[in-house]
């Protein structure tokens, strides 16, 4: 077959290629270059239809199943977006958050906070407007790093699972399923909870205590050092086990239900490529939060009560003193058993109403704020991509 003439061109490191042997084309073979090293972009190499299709599929698979992102800029932006989302969402629902905790740990024989509106009124009458936000500063100090780690860990875990399946699991066409999303969310929740748990433990006590001369803790750091000194360092992790167990269904279902609902709605639209409206995203987030918190709420009650056990001022604060006295060494099973024995199964859902009222705006604000912040900072990967 005769040689195919190619136009001469130069590279930065070499002279003309006229002295070199041009590429040869034989059948459907790709061009074979001689000894000269040329700029690949300057020579368009023809490909067969099969090769082009294979390359397109490989590129699509690579774009969809990326290995976990480790770029410093991406990590910092994702963490910042998650932290801001957590702080804004929690501050917006701080009054309901405090009421929920007060209802969870109050003495069942002398309840002070009956109902949502009545409980909020009691807080306002006894402590004023500032009472609604007591413990919120500590809560934000905890939720900002917690939310930052949670959102970023979820993205990395979901990408890692999908990447592993496609590249090492023999499933090149694998997609994120609700089960994989649940696993990624649970992983993220466990990591975030474990990293920030001591702050969550003292937040419960700061939220419950009443201002006055007998106020025990002056702030988060003071509370942490006091608890560690009087009750031992391990006391900072009281209630950790039910917290971790509760994180699996709560955070896992939050992410899994949210993303799955968004996928279903997206595919059911006349134009599947169009972006979902904010209202639709809020509805998906509200549904996800409702499912997750309903399943995990009893464990949250047990966790809060375990955190109060061993606090010498628990009786003065109106906390369940009988159970606190009975449980010198708090355990999840014992706390659960005595709660049901003395107060019934309904006690496991104390504070559920204000918590439910808080879930809708909290989840909605968190997801929307997170995506908005990532858009502003130019981070391409979103929570559902």
Protein backbone atom coordinates (compact mmCIF):
# COMPACT_ATOMS: atom_id res chain seq x y z
CA UNK A 1 0.00 0.00 0.00
CA UNK A 2 1.37 3.42 -0.89
CA UNK A 3 2.46 5.78 1.83
CA UNK A 4 -0.04 8.38 2.92
CA UNK A 5 1.33 11.89 2.75
CA UNK A 6 1.02 14.03 5.86
CA UNK A 7 1.72 17.73 6.15
CA UNK A 8 4.99 18.63 7.82
CA UNK A 9 4.84 20.36 11.20
CA UNK A 10 7.19 21.29 14.01
CA UNK A 11 7.36 20.60 17.71
CA UNK A 12 9.12 22.83 20.22
CA UNK A 13 12.00 20.39 20.52
CA UNK A 14 12.52 19.31 16.91
CA UNK A 15 12.92 20.51 13.37
CA UNK A 16 10.99 19.46 10.28
CA UNK A 17 9.71 15.94 10.05
CA UNK A 18 10.34 15.75 6.29
CA UNK A 19 13.32 13.51 6.91
CA UNK A 20 11.27 11.08 8.95
CA UNK A 21 9.14 8.28 7.67
CA UNK A 22 5.47 9.20 7.67
CA UNK A 23 2.85 7.02 9.35
CA UNK A 24 1.54 3.96 7.52
CA UNK A 25 -2.09 2.91 7.42
CA UNK A 26 -2.86 -0.75 6.89
CA UNK A 27 -6.52 -1.76 6.89
CA UNK A 28 -8.17 -0.57 10.11
CA UNK A 29 -4.91 -0.27 12.00
CA UNK A 30 -4.14 2.92 13.86
CA UNK A 31 -1.31 5.04 12.42
CA UNK A 32 2.22 3.94 13.38
CA UNK A 33 4.53 6.85 14.07
CA UNK A 34 8.21 6.70 13.27
CA UNK A 35 11.03 7.71 15.52
CA UNK A 36 9.93 11.34 15.56
CA UNK A 37 8.08 12.52 18.66
CA UNK A 38 5.27 14.81 17.62
CA UNK A 39 2.55 16.74 19.39
CA UNK A 40 -0.40 14.33 19.65
CA UNK A 41 -2.86 17.18 19.39
CA UNK A 42 -1.40 18.21 16.03
CA UNK A 43 -2.09 14.84 14.42
CA UNK A 44 -5.66 13.62 14.31
CA UNK A 45 -5.58 9.84 14.37
CA UNK A 46 -8.62 8.16 12.81
CA UNK A 47 -10.40 5.51 14.86
CA UNK A 48 -12.84 2.82 13.96
CA UNK A 49 -16.46 3.14 15.08
CA UNK A 50 -15.96 0.41 17.67
CA UNK A 51 -12.91 2.11 19.14
CA UNK A 52 -14.71 5.44 19.34
CA UNK A 53 -17.69 3.85 21.10
CA UNK A 54 -15.42 2.07 23.55
CA UNK A 55 -13.56 5.29 24.32
CA UNK A 56 -16.82 7.16 24.89
CA UNK A 57 -18.08 4.48 27.29
CA UNK A 58 -14.79 4.46 29.18
CA UNK A 59 -14.85 8.25 29.51
CA UNK A 60 -18.46 8.21 30.75
CA UNK A 61 -17.69 5.53 33.30
CA UNK A 62 -14.67 7.47 34.52
CA UNK A 63 -16.71 10.65 34.94
CA UNK A 64 -19.52 8.89 36.82
CA UNK A 65 -17.40 6.71 39.09
CA UNK A 66 -14.60 8.85 40.41
CA UNK A 67 -12.24 7.84 43.16
CA UNK A 68 -12.59 9.87 46.39
CA UNK A 69 -11.53 13.48 45.90
CA UNK A 70 -8.44 14.43 47.90
CA UNK A 71 -7.68 17.89 46.52
CA UNK A 72 -7.03 20.34 49.34
CA UNK A 73 -9.16 23.08 47.78
CA UNK A 74 -12.09 20.74 47.22
CA UNK A 75 -11.85 19.34 50.73
CA UNK A 76 -11.77 22.79 52.34
CA UNK A 77 -14.67 24.10 50.27
CA UNK A 78 -16.81 21.04 50.96
CA UNK A 79 -16.09 21.19 54.69
CA UNK A 80 -16.85 24.91 54.80
CA UNK A 81 -20.13 24.47 52.93
CA UNK A 82 -21.20 21.65 55.22
CA UNK A 83 -20.28 23.59 58.35
CA UNK A 84 -22.21 26.69 57.28
CA UNK A 85 -25.22 24.56 56.37
CA UNK A 86 -25.20 22.92 59.79
CA UNK A 87 -24.84 26.17 61.73
CA UNK A 88 -27.58 27.99 59.83
CA UNK A 89 -30.06 25.12 59.97
CA UNK A 90 -29.61 24.47 63.69
CA UNK A 91 -29.82 28.13 64.71
CA UNK A 92 -33.10 28.45 62.83
CA UNK A 93 -34.71 25.73 64.94
CA UNK A 94 -32.88 26.27 68.25
CA UNK A 95 -36.05 26.86 70.36
CA UNK A 96 -37.57 23.55 69.28
CA UNK A 97 -34.26 21.76 69.80
CA UNK A 98 -34.05 22.94 73.40
CA UNK A 99 -37.68 22.07 74.11
CA UNK A 100 -37.14 18.58 72.73
CA UNK A 101 -34.21 17.93 75.08
CA UNK A 102 -36.07 19.33 78.10
CA UNK A 103 -39.03 17.06 77.40
CA UNK A 104 -36.78 14.05 76.97
CA UNK A 105 -35.10 14.33 80.36
CA UNK A 106 -37.73 15.95 82.61
CA UNK A 107 -39.07 14.15 85.69
CA UNK A 108 -42.20 12.23 84.61
CA UNK A 109 -43.76 12.83 88.05
CA UNK A 110 -43.30 16.60 87.87
CA UNK A 111 -43.40 17.55 84.18
CA UNK A 112 -42.89 21.24 83.42
CA UNK A 113 -42.99 21.19 79.63
CA UNK A 114 -46.29 19.72 78.46
CA UNK A 115 -46.91 20.13 74.76
CA UNK A 116 -45.08 22.20 72.21
CA UNK A 117 -46.76 25.59 72.58
CA UNK A 118 -47.10 25.23 76.35
CA UNK A 119 -43.47 24.18 76.65
CA UNK A 120 -42.24 27.12 74.59
CA UNK A 121 -44.38 29.46 76.69
CA UNK A 122 -42.88 28.04 79.89
CA UNK A 123 -39.35 28.59 78.61
CA UNK A 124 -40.15 32.18 77.68
CA UNK A 125 -41.85 32.95 81.01
CA UNK A 126 -39.06 31.50 83.15
CA UNK A 127 -35.98 32.41 81.13
CA UNK A 128 -37.00 35.03 78.59
CA UNK A 129 -36.16 35.15 74.91
CA UNK A 130 -32.58 34.07 75.55
CA UNK A 131 -33.89 30.84 77.00
CA UNK A 132 -34.89 29.72 73.52
CA UNK A 133 -31.27 29.79 72.43
CA UNK A 134 -29.61 28.42 75.54
CA UNK A 135 -27.02 25.89 74.51
CA UNK A 136 -27.25 26.95 70.86
CA UNK A 137 -23.74 28.38 70.85
CA UNK A 138 -22.44 25.08 72.15
CA UNK A 139 -24.68 23.27 69.71
CA UNK A 140 -23.27 25.26 66.80
CA UNK A 141 -19.72 24.62 68.00
CA UNK A 142 -20.58 20.94 67.76
CA UNK A 143 -22.84 20.89 64.72
CA UNK A 144 -20.56 22.96 62.47
CA UNK A 145 -17.70 20.42 62.49
CA UNK A 146 -20.20 17.56 62.69
CA UNK A 147 -22.10 18.73 59.64
CA UNK A 148 -18.92 19.52 57.75
CA UNK A 149 -17.50 16.06 58.33
CA UNK A 150 -20.85 14.36 57.69
CA UNK A 151 -21.53 15.93 54.29
CA UNK A 152 -17.98 15.48 53.06
CA UNK A 153 -17.68 11.93 54.40
CA UNK A 154 -20.93 11.00 52.68
CA UNK A 155 -19.73 12.27 49.32
CA UNK A 156 -16.42 10.49 49.63
CA UNK A 157 -17.99 7.25 50.88
CA UNK A 158 -20.59 7.15 48.10
CA UNK A 159 -17.95 7.86 45.45
CA UNK A 160 -15.62 5.26 46.97
CA UNK A 161 -18.31 2.57 47.01
CA UNK A 162 -19.28 3.22 43.41
CA UNK A 163 -15.68 3.48 42.26
CA UNK A 164 -14.80 0.19 43.96
CA UNK A 165 -17.75 -1.61 42.40
CA UNK A 166 -16.99 -0.38 38.91
CA UNK A 167 -13.25 -0.82 39.00
CA UNK A 168 -12.72 -3.78 41.33
CA UNK A 169 -16.13 -5.37 41.82
CA UNK A 170 -16.69 -6.57 38.31
CA UNK A 171 -19.71 -4.27 37.86
CA UNK A 172 -18.69 -1.63 35.30
CA UNK A 173 -22.30 -0.45 34.92
CA UNK A 174 -23.05 -0.23 38.66
CA UNK A 175 -25.15 2.68 39.92
CA UNK A 176 -25.78 4.06 43.39
CA UNK A 177 -28.65 2.09 44.90
CA UNK A 178 -30.68 3.03 48.00
CA UNK A 179 -28.72 0.39 49.93
CA UNK A 180 -25.36 1.87 48.90
CA UNK A 181 -26.59 5.34 49.81
CA UNK A 182 -27.77 4.03 53.17
CA UNK A 183 -24.33 2.51 53.79
CA UNK A 184 -22.56 5.72 52.76
CA UNK A 185 -24.82 7.81 54.99
CA UNK A 186 -24.35 5.47 57.94
CA UNK A 187 -20.58 5.58 57.49
CA UNK A 188 -20.60 9.37 57.37
CA UNK A 189 -22.84 9.60 60.42
CA UNK A 190 -20.67 7.31 62.52
CA UNK A 191 -17.51 9.22 61.63
CA UNK A 192 -19.07 12.61 62.34
CA UNK A 193 -20.74 11.51 65.58
CA UNK A 194 -17.61 9.89 66.99
CA UNK A 195 -15.45 12.91 66.16
CA UNK A 196 -17.70 15.41 67.95
CA UNK A 197 -19.43 13.34 70.63
CA UNK A 198 -17.89 14.93 73.77
CA UNK A 199 -19.31 18.29 72.67
CA UNK A 200 -22.73 16.72 72.17
CA UNK A 201 -22.60 15.16 75.61
CA UNK A 202 -21.97 18.43 77.45
CA UNK A 203 -24.41 20.27 75.19
CA UNK A 204 -27.21 18.19 76.68
CA UNK A 205 -26.30 19.28 80.19
CA UNK A 206 -25.83 22.92 79.22
CA UNK A 207 -29.25 22.89 77.61
CA UNK A 208 -30.97 21.38 80.63
CA UNK A 209 -29.43 23.50 83.39
CA UNK A 210 -31.25 26.65 84.52
CA UNK A 211 -29.52 30.01 84.97
CA UNK A 212 -28.96 31.12 88.53
CA UNK A 213 -26.52 31.02 91.44
CA UNK A 214 -26.47 27.23 91.34
CA UNK A 215 -25.58 27.09 87.65
CA UNK A 216 -23.07 24.27 87.35
CA UNK A 217 -21.42 24.79 83.98
CA UNK A 218 -20.18 28.10 82.59
CA UNK A 219 -19.56 26.99 79.04
CA UNK A 220 -18.65 24.07 76.84
CA UNK A 221 -14.97 23.91 77.72
CA UNK A 222 -15.72 24.34 81.43
CA UNK A 223 -18.36 21.63 81.22
CA UNK A 224 -16.03 19.21 79.45
CA UNK A 225 -13.21 19.71 81.96
CA UNK A 226 -15.63 19.48 84.92
CA UNK A 227 -17.20 16.26 83.68
CA UNK A 228 -13.80 14.72 82.97
CA UNK A 229 -12.54 15.72 86.43
CA UNK A 230 -15.57 14.64 88.48
CA UNK A 231 -16.77 11.64 86.48
CA UNK A 232 -13.72 10.58 84.53
CA UNK A 233 -12.78 11.06 80.86
CA UNK A 234 -14.95 8.12 79.80
CA UNK A 235 -17.99 10.06 80.99
CA UNK A 236 -17.61 12.33 77.96
CA UNK A 237 -18.72 9.37 75.87
CA UNK A 238 -21.79 8.43 77.90
CA UNK A 239 -24.52 7.41 75.50
CA UNK A 240 -22.08 6.94 72.61
CA UNK A 241 -23.27 3.43 71.75
CA UNK A 242 -26.98 4.27 71.30
CA UNK A 243 -25.89 7.40 69.47
CA UNK A 244 -23.87 5.41 66.96
CA UNK A 245 -26.62 2.82 66.62
CA UNK A 246 -29.13 5.61 66.07
CA UNK A 247 -26.91 7.31 63.51
CA UNK A 248 -27.05 4.29 61.19
CA UNK A 249 -30.79 4.54 60.45
CA UNK A 250 -31.09 8.30 60.97
CA UNK A 251 -28.28 9.72 58.85
CA UNK A 252 -28.30 6.73 56.53
CA UNK A 253 -32.02 7.06 55.81
CA UNK A 254 -31.76 10.83 55.51
CA UNK A 255 -29.33 10.59 52.63
CA UNK A 256 -30.80 7.44 51.08
CA UNK A 257 -34.41 8.64 51.08
CA UNK A 258 -33.48 12.16 49.99
CA UNK A 259 -31.42 11.09 47.00
CA UNK A 260 -33.72 8.24 45.99
CA UNK A 261 -36.79 10.48 46.04
CA UNK A 262 -34.95 13.09 43.99
CA UNK A 263 -34.01 10.44 41.43
CA UNK A 264 -37.58 9.18 41.17
CA UNK A 265 -39.01 12.67 40.80
CA UNK A 266 -36.34 13.62 38.27
CA UNK A 267 -37.04 10.59 36.08
CA UNK A 268 -40.81 11.10 36.29
CA UNK A 269 -40.61 14.67 34.97
CA UNK A 270 -41.38 15.44 31.31
CA UNK A 271 -37.85 16.81 31.01
CA UNK A 272 -35.55 14.60 33.13
CA UNK A 273 -32.61 16.93 32.50
CA UNK A 274 -34.27 19.98 34.10
CA UNK A 275 -33.20 20.99 37.61
CA UNK A 276 -35.59 20.29 40.46
CA UNK A 277 -37.21 23.28 42.12
CA UNK A 278 -36.33 24.33 45.65
CA UNK A 279 -39.82 23.35 46.83
CA UNK A 280 -39.37 19.84 45.45
CA UNK A 281 -36.01 19.50 47.17
CA UNK A 282 -37.50 20.73 50.44
CA UNK A 283 -40.27 18.13 50.18
CA UNK A 284 -37.74 15.37 49.56
CA UNK A 285 -35.66 16.53 52.51
CA UNK A 286 -38.70 16.73 54.79
CA UNK A 287 -39.74 13.19 53.89
CA UNK A 288 -36.22 11.92 54.46
CA UNK A 289 -35.96 13.62 57.84
CA UNK A 290 -39.34 12.32 58.98
CA UNK A 291 -38.51 8.72 58.12
CA UNK A 292 -35.05 8.85 59.68
CA UNK A 293 -36.01 10.50 62.95
CA UNK A 294 -39.08 8.30 63.50
CA UNK A 295 -36.95 5.16 63.27
CA UNK A 296 -34.05 6.44 65.37
CA UNK A 297 -35.83 8.65 67.93
CA UNK A 298 -36.07 6.12 70.81
CA UNK A 299 -32.30 5.74 70.75
CA UNK A 300 -31.95 9.52 70.97
CA UNK A 301 -34.06 9.54 74.14
CA UNK A 302 -31.95 6.78 75.69
CA UNK A 303 -28.79 8.63 74.73
CA UNK A 304 -29.92 11.87 76.41
CA UNK A 305 -30.87 10.08 79.60
CA UNK A 306 -27.56 8.27 79.75
CA UNK A 307 -25.81 11.62 79.44
CA UNK A 308 -27.67 12.97 82.49
CA UNK A 309 -26.95 9.96 84.71
CA UNK A 310 -24.14 10.71 87.17
CA UNK A 311 -24.77 14.47 87.14
CA UNK A 312 -25.07 15.42 90.80
CA UNK A 313 -27.37 18.35 89.98
CA UNK A 314 -29.75 16.23 87.91
CA UNK A 315 -32.40 16.11 90.62
CA UNK A 316 -32.29 19.88 91.12
CA UNK A 317 -32.81 20.39 87.41
CA UNK A 318 -35.93 18.21 87.38
CA UNK A 319 -34.28 15.33 85.57
CA UNK A 320 -35.52 11.74 86.04
CA UNK A 321 -33.94 11.32 89.48
CA UNK A 322 -35.23 7.82 90.21
CA UNK A 323 -33.57 6.34 87.18
CA UNK A 324 -30.41 8.38 87.76
CA UNK A 325 -30.13 6.97 91.29
CA UNK A 326 -30.82 3.44 90.12
CA UNK A 327 -28.18 3.48 87.40
CA UNK A 328 -24.78 4.14 88.92
CA UNK A 329 -23.08 2.84 85.79
CA UNK A 330 -25.23 3.78 82.82
CA UNK A 331 -25.79 1.21 80.13
CA UNK A 332 -27.92 1.41 77.02
CA UNK A 333 -29.96 -1.71 77.78
CA UNK A 334 -30.58 -0.75 81.43
CA UNK A 335 -31.60 2.79 80.53
CA UNK A 336 -33.93 1.52 77.84
CA UNK A 337 -35.45 -1.12 80.16
CA UNK A 338 -36.06 1.22 83.11
CA UNK A 339 -37.50 3.93 80.90
CA UNK A 340 -40.10 1.53 79.50
CA UNK A 341 -40.73 -0.04 82.93
CA UNK A 342 -41.42 3.20 84.80
CA UNK A 343 -42.93 5.35 82.04
CA UNK A 344 -44.08 3.05 79.28
CA UNK A 345 -43.18 2.82 75.62
CA UNK A 346 -44.53 6.31 74.97
CA UNK A 347 -41.63 7.73 76.99
CA UNK A 348 -39.31 6.67 74.17
CA UNK A 349 -41.01 9.27 71.99
CA UNK A 350 -41.00 12.18 74.43
CA UNK A 351 -40.26 15.38 72.55
CA UNK A 352 -41.11 13.81 69.20
CA UNK A 353 -43.61 16.54 68.26
CA UNK A 354 -41.23 19.51 68.62
CA UNK A 355 -38.54 17.41 67.03
CA UNK A 356 -40.82 16.66 64.07
CA UNK A 357 -41.62 20.36 63.73
CA UNK A 358 -37.90 21.04 63.72
CA UNK A 359 -36.98 18.35 61.21
CA UNK A 360 -38.75 19.87 58.19
CA UNK A 361 -37.08 23.30 58.26
CA UNK A 362 -33.79 21.94 59.60
CA UNK A 363 -33.29 19.32 56.89
CA UNK A 364 -34.59 21.67 54.21
CA UNK A 365 -32.32 24.55 55.22
CA UNK A 366 -29.30 22.27 55.59
CA UNK A 367 -29.58 20.70 52.14
CA UNK A 368 -30.43 23.92 50.32
CA UNK A 369 -27.74 25.94 52.12
CA UNK A 370 -25.16 23.26 51.43
CA UNK A 371 -25.85 23.20 47.71
CA UNK A 372 -26.00 27.00 47.50
CA UNK A 373 -22.67 27.38 49.27
CA UNK A 374 -21.01 24.84 47.01
CA UNK A 375 -22.38 26.67 43.98
CA UNK A 376 -20.98 29.97 45.27
CA UNK A 377 -17.59 28.42 45.92
CA UNK A 378 -17.49 26.67 42.57
CA UNK A 379 -17.47 23.09 43.85
CA UNK A 380 -18.91 20.94 41.09
CA UNK A 381 -19.86 17.79 42.97
CA UNK A 382 -23.16 18.09 44.80
CA UNK A 383 -24.65 15.84 47.41
CA UNK A 384 -26.78 13.91 44.92
CA UNK A 385 -24.27 13.62 42.10
